[in-house]
Protein backbone atom coordinates (compact mmCIF):
# COMPACT_ATOMS: atom_id res chain seq x y z
CA MET A 1 0.00 0.00 0.00
CA GLN A 2 1.18 3.47 -0.84
CA LYS A 3 -0.40 6.45 0.86
CA ARG A 4 -0.37 9.84 -0.84
CA SER A 5 -1.73 13.18 0.28
CA LEU A 6 -3.42 15.47 -2.21
CA THR A 7 -5.85 18.34 -2.53
CA ILE A 8 -9.22 17.62 -4.13
CA ALA A 9 -11.63 20.51 -4.68
CA GLY A 10 -9.78 22.60 -2.11
CA HIS A 11 -9.70 19.91 0.58
CA ARG A 12 -6.64 17.98 1.72
CA THR A 13 -7.08 14.22 1.86
CA SER A 14 -4.96 11.11 1.74
CA LEU A 15 -5.50 8.01 -0.32
CA ALA A 16 -3.94 4.59 0.24
CA LEU A 17 -3.77 2.33 -2.82
CA GLU A 18 -1.68 -0.53 -4.12
CA PRO A 19 1.17 0.60 -6.42
CA GLU A 20 -0.61 -0.94 -9.43
CA PHE A 21 -3.62 1.32 -8.91
CA TRP A 22 -1.41 4.40 -8.58
CA ALA A 23 0.21 3.39 -11.87
CA GLY A 24 -3.24 3.02 -13.43
CA LEU A 25 -4.28 6.46 -12.20
CA GLU A 26 -1.09 7.95 -13.61
CA ALA A 27 -1.83 6.28 -16.96
CA ILE A 28 -5.35 7.74 -16.95
CA ALA A 29 -3.99 11.19 -16.10
CA ALA A 30 -1.44 10.99 -18.91
CA ALA A 31 -4.02 9.78 -21.42
CA ARG A 32 -6.37 12.62 -20.49
CA ASP A 33 -3.57 15.18 -20.16
CA LEU A 34 -4.77 16.04 -16.65
CA PRO A 35 -3.05 16.29 -13.29
CA LEU A 36 -3.50 13.23 -11.07
CA ALA A 37 -5.53 15.26 -8.56
CA ALA A 38 -7.99 16.25 -11.31
CA VAL A 39 -8.56 12.61 -12.27
CA ILE A 40 -9.17 11.69 -8.63
CA ARG A 41 -11.48 14.69 -8.23
CA ASP A 42 -13.53 13.53 -11.24
CA ILE A 43 -13.78 10.04 -9.77
CA ASP A 44 -14.77 11.49 -6.39
CA GLU A 45 -17.51 13.64 -7.91
CA GLY A 46 -19.03 10.77 -9.89
CA ARG A 47 -18.67 7.90 -7.47
CA ASP A 48 -21.39 5.55 -6.31
CA GLU A 49 -19.16 3.79 -3.80
CA PRO A 50 -19.07 5.26 -0.27
CA ASN A 51 -15.29 4.89 -0.09
CA LEU A 52 -12.99 6.94 -2.33
CA SER A 53 -10.31 4.23 -2.45
CA SER A 54 -12.86 1.71 -3.70
CA ALA A 55 -14.20 4.18 -6.25
CA VAL A 56 -10.68 4.77 -7.57
CA ARG A 57 -10.00 1.04 -7.89
CA VAL A 58 -13.28 0.54 -9.79
CA ALA A 59 -12.54 3.50 -12.07
CA VAL A 60 -9.07 2.17 -12.91
CA LEU A 61 -10.49 -1.30 -13.58
CA ARG A 62 -13.21 0.10 -15.83
CA TRP A 63 -10.68 2.23 -17.73
CA TYR A 64 -8.55 -0.82 -18.48
CA GLN A 65 -11.61 -2.90 -19.37
CA ALA A 66 -12.58 -0.19 -21.87
CA GLY A 67 -9.22 -0.47 -23.57
CA GLY A 68 -7.22 1.94 -21.50
CA SER A 69 -7.99 5.05 -23.48
C-alpha cells in the first residue's frame, strides 16, 4: 500500500492504494492530459461507492476494461 496526500476541490485528503492502482491512475492522467488530482477529483464527484479508495479502484479497472484510453 502506498499512501499519498493530495488536494481535491480545495480539501486535503490522503488516499492509500496498491502501487498498481497508482500506476493506473497515472496512466489515466497521462491519457487525459490532466493532473493526477484532477482525475481523482472527477472520480470522487461521480462515485457511487461510499469509499474513495474503492471508487478509484473501480474507475481504474473500468478504464482498463474499456481499452485503456
